[in-house]
Amino acid sequence: ARPFDYQKDEFWKIFPNHRDSDMFKAWLGMAKRGHKIDSFKAPDGPGKKDAEIAYQKSEVERSFDWLRANA
């Protein structure tokens, strides 16, 4: 993940009318309650690509499980 400075007016030029939206306020509240998640880094070696693919698949499956339970 990379940080972005949403508090500067310059950021909002490409997102007019969204700065004060309920959806953004809800996202901001959720982000403030959360915590940093370190990026996945597969170990170097011959299985690196397979480890990255397995990680991505598991994350997609985890997201789908959450959606099934909460959407």
C-alpha atoms as a PDB file:
ATOM      1  CA  ALA A   1       0.000   0.000   0.000  1.00  0.00           C
ATOM      2  CA  ARG A   2       1.140   3.506  -0.552  1.00  0.00           C
ATOM      3  CA  PRO A   3       0.033   6.598   1.373  1.00  0.00           C
ATOM      4  CA  PHE A   4      -1.949   9.358  -0.271  1.00  0.00           C
ATOM      5  CA  ASP A   5      -2.526  12.804   1.150  1.00  0.00           C
ATOM      6  CA  TYR A   6      -6.303  13.133   1.034  1.00  0.00           C
ATOM      7  CA  GLN A   7      -6.208  16.181   3.298  1.00  0.00           C
ATOM      8  CA  LYS A   8      -4.713  18.433   0.618  1.00  0.00           C
ATOM      9  CA  ASP A   9      -7.014  20.266  -1.781  1.00  0.00           C
ATOM     10  CA  GLU A  10      -4.843  19.104  -4.678  1.00  0.00           C
ATOM     11  CA  PHE A  11      -5.907  15.475  -4.066  1.00  0.00           C
ATOM     12  CA  TRP A  12      -9.595  16.306  -4.497  1.00  0.00           C
ATOM     13  CA  LYS A  13      -9.296  17.951  -7.924  1.00  0.00           C
ATOM     14  CA  ILE A  14      -9.977  14.596  -9.614  1.00  0.00           C
ATOM     15  CA  PHE A  15     -12.731  13.692  -7.107  1.00  0.00           C
ATOM     16  CA  PRO A  16     -15.042  16.711  -7.053  1.00  0.00           C
ATOM     17  CA  ASN A  17     -18.047  16.492  -4.719  1.00  0.00           C
ATOM     18  CA  HIS A  18     -16.701  13.462  -2.851  1.00  0.00           C
ATOM     19  CA  ARG A  19     -14.742  15.072  -0.029  1.00  0.00           C
ATOM     20  CA  ASP A  20     -17.832  15.529   2.140  1.00  0.00           C
ATOM     21  CA  SER A  21     -19.714  12.431   0.983  1.00  0.00           C
ATOM     22  CA  ASP A  22     -21.155  10.001   3.517  1.00  0.00           C
ATOM     23  CA  MET A  23     -19.319   7.140   1.824  1.00  0.00           C
ATOM     24  CA  PHE A  24     -15.929   8.826   2.220  1.00  0.00           C
ATOM     25  CA  LYS A  25     -16.669   9.711   5.840  1.00  0.00           C
ATOM     26  CA  ALA A  26     -17.574   6.072   6.532  1.00  0.00           C
ATOM     27  CA  TRP A  27     -14.381   4.866   4.826  1.00  0.00           C
ATOM     28  CA  LEU A  28     -12.298   7.362   6.787  1.00  0.00           C
ATOM     29  CA  GLY A  29     -13.852   6.202  10.063  1.00  0.00           C
ATOM     30  CA  MET A  30     -13.102   2.586   9.184  1.00  0.00           C
ATOM     31  CA  ALA A  31      -9.529   3.452   8.207  1.00  0.00           C
ATOM     32  CA  LYS A  32      -8.929   5.268  11.496  1.00  0.00           C
ATOM     33  CA  ARG A  33     -10.172   2.276  13.511  1.00  0.00           C
ATOM     34  CA  GLY A  34      -7.970  -0.134  11.571  1.00  0.00           C
ATOM     35  CA  HIS A  35      -4.294  -0.934  11.690  1.00  0.00           C
ATOM     36  CA  LYS A  36      -1.465  -1.212   9.212  1.00  0.00           C
ATOM     37  CA  ILE A  37      -1.134  -4.534   7.439  1.00  0.00           C
ATOM     38  CA  ASP A  38       2.346  -5.352   6.215  1.00  0.00           C
ATOM     39  CA  SER A  39       2.666  -6.260   2.555  1.00  0.00           C
ATOM     40  CA  PHE A  40       3.228  -9.905   1.681  1.00  0.00           C
ATOM     41  CA  LYS A  41       6.740 -10.749   0.541  1.00  0.00           C
ATOM     42  CA  ALA A  42       7.342 -14.243  -0.752  1.00  0.00           C
ATOM     43  CA  PRO A  43      10.681 -15.766   0.172  1.00  0.00           C
ATOM     44  CA  ASP A  44      13.306 -15.723  -2.546  1.00  0.00           C
ATOM     45  CA  GLY A  45      13.924 -18.970  -4.308  1.00  0.00           C
ATOM     46  CA  PRO A  46      12.460 -21.251  -6.942  1.00  0.00           C
ATOM     47  CA  GLY A  47       8.970 -21.280  -5.408  1.00  0.00           C
ATOM     48  CA  LYS A  48       8.630 -17.505  -5.103  1.00  0.00           C
ATOM     49  CA  LYS A  49       6.145 -17.084  -7.966  1.00  0.00           C
ATOM     50  CA  ASP A  50       4.010 -20.005  -6.745  1.00  0.00           C
ATOM     51  CA  ALA A  51       3.996 -18.557  -3.211  1.00  0.00           C
ATOM     52  CA  GLU A  52       2.821 -15.172  -4.532  1.00  0.00           C
ATOM     53  CA  ILE A  53       0.035 -16.812  -6.553  1.00  0.00           C
ATOM     54  CA  ALA A  54      -1.066 -18.915  -3.573  1.00  0.00           C
ATOM     55  CA  TYR A  55      -1.145 -15.822  -1.359  1.00  0.00           C
ATOM     56  CA  GLN A  56      -3.214 -13.840  -3.860  1.00  0.00           C
ATOM     57  CA  LYS A  57      -5.679 -16.721  -4.256  1.00  0.00           C
ATOM     58  CA  SER A  58      -6.073 -17.063  -0.503  1.00  0.00           C
ATOM     59  CA  GLU A  59      -6.703 -13.328  -0.145  1.00  0.00           C
ATOM     60  CA  VAL A  60      -9.357 -13.386  -2.887  1.00  0.00           C
ATOM     61  CA  GLU A  61     -11.035 -16.390  -1.253  1.00  0.00           C
ATOM     62  CA  ARG A  62     -10.948 -14.639   2.123  1.00  0.00           C
ATOM     63  CA  SER A  63     -12.578 -11.563   0.567  1.00  0.00           C
ATOM     64  CA  PHE A  64     -15.286 -13.684  -1.072  1.00  0.00           C
ATOM     65  CA  ASP A  65     -15.987 -15.437   2.243  1.00  0.00           C
ATOM     66  CA  TRP A  66     -16.388 -12.073   3.962  1.00  0.00           C
ATOM     67  CA  LEU A  67     -18.731 -10.834   1.234  1.00  0.00           C
ATOM     68  CA  ARG A  68     -20.864 -13.982   1.454  1.00  0.00           C
ATOM     69  CA  ALA A  69     -21.176 -13.533   5.214  1.00  0.00           C
ATOM     70  CA  ASN A  70     -21.748  -9.765   5.259  1.00  0.00           C
ATOM     71  CA  ALA A  71     -23.277  -8.647   1.980  1.00  0.00           C
END
